[in-house]
Amino acid sequence: MDKDQLTEWALRNGWQVIAGCPSLTRPNRPREAIVRMVFKTTVANLEIKKPAGKWEKVAGQSYAKIQPDADTGLPLNFGLDTIPGFTMLMRENKDRMAFGRMSGEAKE
């Protein structure tokens, strides 16, 4: 998968672009990113925001090694499937976006 494919997958699955990076937010702070994908020339990195506010890289992989799961489309070999709580956070973000559209909330 390349940068564009990863971004497209992320936006379909509850991520939103914050400060130029596909990001996940806390349920109680939907405008503050706590997880983000950072794209470099040849690699994609997954970073988590520490309580002190500093970003820490928790996974990284070259684009050539990141492959979509045949059933779910989840990028494999990138760490998304191995980090505890990640699936739940993505589901919460995706649900919040879907319910926000249903209730007519404006996107900022």
C-alpha atoms as a PDB file:
ATOM      1  CA  MET A   1       0.000   0.000   0.000  1.00  0.00           C
ATOM      2  CA  ASP A   2       1.217   3.500  -0.692  1.00  0.00           C
ATOM      3  CA  LYS A   3       0.514   6.792   1.125  1.00  0.00           C
ATOM      4  CA  ASP A   4      -2.664   7.479  -0.842  1.00  0.00           C
ATOM      5  CA  GLN A   5      -4.063   3.976  -0.287  1.00  0.00           C
ATOM      6  CA  LEU A   6      -3.321   4.140   3.443  1.00  0.00           C
ATOM      7  CA  THR A   7      -4.955   7.569   3.696  1.00  0.00           C
ATOM      8  CA  GLU A   8      -8.016   6.396   1.768  1.00  0.00           C
ATOM      9  CA  TRP A   9      -8.365   3.302   3.990  1.00  0.00           C
ATOM     10  CA  ALA A  10      -7.929   5.402   7.145  1.00  0.00           C
ATOM     11  CA  LEU A  11     -10.584   7.959   6.169  1.00  0.00           C
ATOM     12  CA  ARG A  12     -13.070   5.167   5.401  1.00  0.00           C
ATOM     13  CA  ASN A  13     -12.407   3.634   8.816  1.00  0.00           C
ATOM     14  CA  GLY A  14     -12.942   6.498  11.216  1.00  0.00           C
ATOM     15  CA  TRP A  15      -9.660   8.376  10.960  1.00  0.00           C
ATOM     16  CA  GLN A  16      -9.633  12.093  10.246  1.00  0.00           C
ATOM     17  CA  VAL A  17      -6.897  14.357   8.942  1.00  0.00           C
ATOM     18  CA  ILE A  18      -5.525  16.534  11.751  1.00  0.00           C
ATOM     19  CA  ALA A  19      -2.418  18.657  11.142  1.00  0.00           C
ATOM     20  CA  GLY A  20      -1.898  16.891   7.807  1.00  0.00           C
ATOM     21  CA  CYS A  21      -1.843  13.333   9.222  1.00  0.00           C
ATOM     22  CA  PRO A  22      -4.567  10.675   9.337  1.00  0.00           C
ATOM     23  CA  SER A  23      -5.382  10.580  13.060  1.00  0.00           C
ATOM     24  CA  LEU A  24      -7.568   8.961  15.686  1.00  0.00           C
ATOM     25  CA  THR A  25      -8.935  10.960  18.599  1.00  0.00           C
ATOM     26  CA  ARG A  26     -10.122  10.320  22.133  1.00  0.00           C
ATOM     27  CA  PRO A  27     -13.886   9.817  22.390  1.00  0.00           C
ATOM     28  CA  ASN A  28     -14.153  12.703  24.874  1.00  0.00           C
ATOM     29  CA  ARG A  29     -11.834  15.016  22.860  1.00  0.00           C
ATOM     30  CA  PRO A  30     -12.728  14.573  19.196  1.00  0.00           C
ATOM     31  CA  ARG A  31     -10.456  17.383  17.966  1.00  0.00           C
ATOM     32  CA  GLU A  32      -7.252  16.204  19.685  1.00  0.00           C
ATOM     33  CA  ALA A  33      -5.246  13.476  17.930  1.00  0.00           C
ATOM     34  CA  ILE A  34      -3.814  10.678  20.080  1.00  0.00           C
ATOM     35  CA  VAL A  35      -2.759   8.316  17.270  1.00  0.00           C
ATOM     36  CA  ARG A  36      -1.470   9.341  13.863  1.00  0.00           C
ATOM     37  CA  MET A  37       0.084   7.961  10.699  1.00  0.00           C
ATOM     38  CA  VAL A  38       3.129   9.864   9.536  1.00  0.00           C
ATOM     39  CA  PHE A  39       4.198   9.353   5.941  1.00  0.00           C
ATOM     40  CA  LYS A  40       7.841   9.608   4.920  1.00  0.00           C
ATOM     41  CA  THR A  41       9.308   9.093   1.464  1.00  0.00           C
ATOM     42  CA  THR A  42       9.687   5.305   1.707  1.00  0.00           C
ATOM     43  CA  VAL A  43       8.027   4.365   5.022  1.00  0.00           C
ATOM     44  CA  ALA A  44       4.873   4.941   7.030  1.00  0.00           C
ATOM     45  CA  ASN A  45       5.102   5.350  10.803  1.00  0.00           C
ATOM     46  CA  LEU A  46       2.448   4.903  13.453  1.00  0.00           C
ATOM     47  CA  GLU A  47       2.801   7.279  16.404  1.00  0.00           C
ATOM     48  CA  ILE A  48       0.974   7.572  19.730  1.00  0.00           C
ATOM     49  CA  LYS A  49       0.816  10.739  21.798  1.00  0.00           C
ATOM     50  CA  LYS A  50       2.195  10.264  25.305  1.00  0.00           C
ATOM     51  CA  PRO A  51       0.488  11.960  28.302  1.00  0.00           C
ATOM     52  CA  ALA A  52       3.261  14.576  28.373  1.00  0.00           C
ATOM     53  CA  GLY A  53       2.294  15.585  24.816  1.00  0.00           C
ATOM     54  CA  LYS A  54       5.268  14.056  22.986  1.00  0.00           C
ATOM     55  CA  TRP A  55       4.712  11.744  19.998  1.00  0.00           C
ATOM     56  CA  GLU A  56       6.296   8.288  20.201  1.00  0.00           C
ATOM     57  CA  LYS A  57       6.779   6.011  17.193  1.00  0.00           C
ATOM     58  CA  VAL A  58       5.303   2.586  17.959  1.00  0.00           C
ATOM     59  CA  ALA A  59       5.480   1.015  14.499  1.00  0.00           C
ATOM     60  CA  GLY A  60       6.897   1.667  11.084  1.00  0.00           C
ATOM     61  CA  GLN A  61       7.121  -0.179   7.817  1.00  0.00           C
ATOM     62  CA  SER A  62       8.097   0.388   4.200  1.00  0.00           C
ATOM     63  CA  TYR A  63       5.161   0.872   1.865  1.00  0.00           C
ATOM     64  CA  ALA A  64       6.098  -2.252  -0.122  1.00  0.00           C
ATOM     65  CA  LYS A  65       5.638  -4.475   2.957  1.00  0.00           C
ATOM     66  CA  ILE A  66       2.247  -3.063   4.000  1.00  0.00           C
ATOM     67  CA  GLN A  67      -0.467  -5.187   2.417  1.00  0.00           C
ATOM     68  CA  PRO A  68      -4.257  -4.959   2.871  1.00  0.00           C
ATOM     69  CA  ASP A  69      -6.044  -7.878   4.536  1.00  0.00           C
ATOM     70  CA  ALA A  70      -8.104  -9.669   1.889  1.00  0.00           C
ATOM     71  CA  ASP A  71     -11.262  -9.660   4.032  1.00  0.00           C
ATOM     72  CA  THR A  72     -11.140  -6.425   6.037  1.00  0.00           C
ATOM     73  CA  GLY A  73      -8.697  -4.220   4.117  1.00  0.00           C
ATOM     74  CA  LEU A  74      -6.792  -3.600   7.391  1.00  0.00           C
ATOM     75  CA  PRO A  75      -3.156  -2.772   6.544  1.00  0.00           C
ATOM     76  CA  LEU A  76      -1.101  -5.787   7.660  1.00  0.00           C
ATOM     77  CA  ASN A  77       2.572  -5.668   8.690  1.00  0.00           C
ATOM     78  CA  PHE A  78       2.058  -2.129  10.003  1.00  0.00           C
ATOM     79  CA  GLY A  79       1.219  -2.790  13.660  1.00  0.00           C
ATOM     80  CA  LEU A  80      -2.461  -1.882  13.583  1.00  0.00           C
ATOM     81  CA  ASP A  81      -3.467  -5.498  14.214  1.00  0.00           C
ATOM     82  CA  THR A  82      -1.024  -6.048  17.087  1.00  0.00           C
ATOM     83  CA  ILE A  83      -1.537  -2.994  19.317  1.00  0.00           C
ATOM     84  CA  PRO A  84      -4.132  -3.651  22.059  1.00  0.00           C
ATOM     85  CA  GLY A  85      -7.175  -1.377  22.001  1.00  0.00           C
ATOM     86  CA  PHE A  86      -6.539  -0.106  18.502  1.00  0.00           C
ATOM     87  CA  THR A  87      -9.523  -1.800  16.906  1.00  0.00           C
ATOM     88  CA  MET A  88     -11.830  -0.431  19.607  1.00  0.00           C
ATOM     89  CA  LEU A  89     -10.470   3.110  19.193  1.00  0.00           C
ATOM     90  CA  MET A  90     -10.968   2.934  15.416  1.00  0.00           C
ATOM     91  CA  ARG A  91     -14.540   1.636  15.923  1.00  0.00           C
ATOM     92  CA  GLU A  92     -15.353   4.468  18.372  1.00  0.00           C
ATOM     93  CA  ASN A  93     -14.012   7.078  15.933  1.00  0.00           C
ATOM     94  CA  LYS A  94     -15.894   5.533  12.997  1.00  0.00           C
ATOM     95  CA  ASP A  95     -19.145   5.338  14.992  1.00  0.00           C
ATOM     96  CA  ARG A  96     -18.801   8.945  16.155  1.00  0.00           C
ATOM     97  CA  MET A  97     -18.351  10.096  12.552  1.00  0.00           C
ATOM     98  CA  ALA A  98     -21.346   8.063  11.337  1.00  0.00           C
ATOM     99  CA  PHE A  99     -23.639   9.233  14.127  1.00  0.00           C
ATOM    100  CA  GLY A 100     -22.429  12.809  13.664  1.00  0.00           C
ATOM    101  CA  ARG A 101     -23.540  12.694  10.028  1.00  0.00           C
ATOM    102  CA  MET A 102     -26.916  11.227  11.009  1.00  0.00           C
ATOM    103  CA  SER A 103     -27.562  13.947  13.582  1.00  0.00           C
ATOM    104  CA  GLY A 104     -26.522  16.662  11.125  1.00  0.00           C
ATOM    105  CA  GLU A 105     -23.474  17.892  13.043  1.00  0.00           C
ATOM    106  CA  ALA A 106     -21.353  20.189  10.929  1.00  0.00           C
ATOM    107  CA  LYS A 107     -17.786  19.137  10.297  1.00  0.00           C
ATOM    108  CA  GLU A 108     -15.223  21.791  11.237  1.00  0.00           C
END
